[in-house]
Amino acid sequence: QDVRQRVDSGTPSPLRENLHASWRLRCCRASPSCQLCPLAAAMTLTYDTKQGLFVTALRCTHTVVPNVLGSFEFWFFLVIHLLVFGVSHWYRRFDADKFKEHEKTFGLDWHSVNVISGFTTFFEVFYANQCYARYLHLYKKANDAFTGVHDLCLYLRIFVGGKERGYSRLCARYLLLAIMLHLNQVRGRDSEAELEELSALGYLKDLELSALRKLSPDHRPGLVLTWFAGVSEKAFHHSGCAHQVLRPFFQKMIHLHNHLKDITDTMKLPVPFQCFHLLCTMVIMNLLLWALSMGLTDSYYSPFIYFCSSFIFVGMMELSSALADPFGDDEVDFPVDDWIRQCAGLVVEVTEMEYPGGYEMMDIIALGEQRIDLSVIRNFSFMQEPQEPQHHHDAKPEAPKTMPKPVPFPSYPADRSDSSMNSLSQSETRGLLMHSPRGPLQRGGDQHPDSWRNCA
């Protein structure tokens, strides 16, 4: 606040606006709940399935209720239904005989309406299913892309380490730059303004900025990944790593490129417009026939039934349209800005963080490390919260409860080699398998064939 007041008092207007925009940008990227600008992306709501039917159904926030109530079609057909319902009831009370004659001529048969309702319901459920499958596919690919970025940085940290810290930092910056360019391009943001923004934040140098401007927005992430490949190859070369390390590393990089390309291809191939046009036509016809047929009935519950039925139909269309494009600003869209912040934090931690106390302290801790006490894990409950002990001065101290003594691990000589581990007796092997940290291992399960030896 103090810096901002000093800048406001002695800074020209254009520079002041740029500084304020930069502060808002950094604030929103640092805090998911910031409301200073529209960069705070929509969050997928975490809900409790045990709240109950009424509590969940009567909730209005983070639902499709605002979208449905803001839809023009919903209110248009509801007004038609109310007009037909009011006129028919007035006409029935004014002249019941003529109304019955006209009802035979102008009335709607529910069997005919049910045919169109059945087709519309089928196509609407099919469209919602396709949009949800597309939503899950895009979520998996985006998650795989962020996981690939973290894996590549971890790979560099393992095999390059602190020997070539500058190359590792450059690789990390290129990875974050590639995924930010790609996701912003998928969300339809201005490419030139995005480049200027990244350059102002320090993610782009002048030479890199001029090179990226010569390419189309679709090709920029690929070029940045090419830079990443060249820099990482030099990092491995200067650190003295074997050539066998490069193959799995670049395979991970190719997988990352394929994930990003798959996201772009999926976004460019929505449900064909002909199908969407036909579905919209069927929904309009169905709502109109419902408004007329339910309006001609004699029951006073018709407006309520029509309201609920049309609400469900319009709500499913609104929800399906939001699921079809999860990189927007709807309630169900992906929190891409939060994902980028979390990914950047993990990348920085992997690239910069060191072991507490340095590698010398690591050797000291390793020499004094004791065997893990499994009785602590067995007696610890992961489902219950730890309770604070209550001290009563007048109460007598209770006798300590005796706990069953855990079965100890089989003891082995200290000089026993790895080759002799394969010649364990049957009782020793059974003891290892039944008291492994991951639980009892059984034959025929999904464990690796070398699980027995790894456990030993």
Foldseek 3Di string as FASTA:
>chain_A
DVVLVVCVVPPDDVVNVVVVVLVLVVVCLVDLPDDPDPLNFFAADDDDPPPDDVVVVPDDPLACVVVLVPDPLLVVLLVLLVVLLVVLVVVCVVPVVVSVVVCVVPNDDVVVLVVLVVVLVVLLVVLLVQLQVLLVLLVVLVVLLLVLLLVLLLLCCVQLNPVCLVLSVLLNLLSLVLVVLLLCVLQPDDNVVVLVSCVVVPSDDPVLSVVQVVDDSVCNSVVSLVVSLVSSVVSNVVSVHDPVSVVVSVVSSVSSVVSSVVSVVSLVDFDDVVSVVVSVVSLSVSSNSLSNNLSNDPDPCSSVVSSVVNSVSVSSVVVSVCSNRQSYRRNNHHSVSNSSSVSSVSSCCSSDDADVPHVVVVVVCVVPDDDDDCVVVVPDDPVDDDDDDDDDPPDDDDDDDDDDDDDDQDDDDPPDDLVCLVVDDPVNLQSLQCPAPVHHDDPPDPDDPCPSSVSD
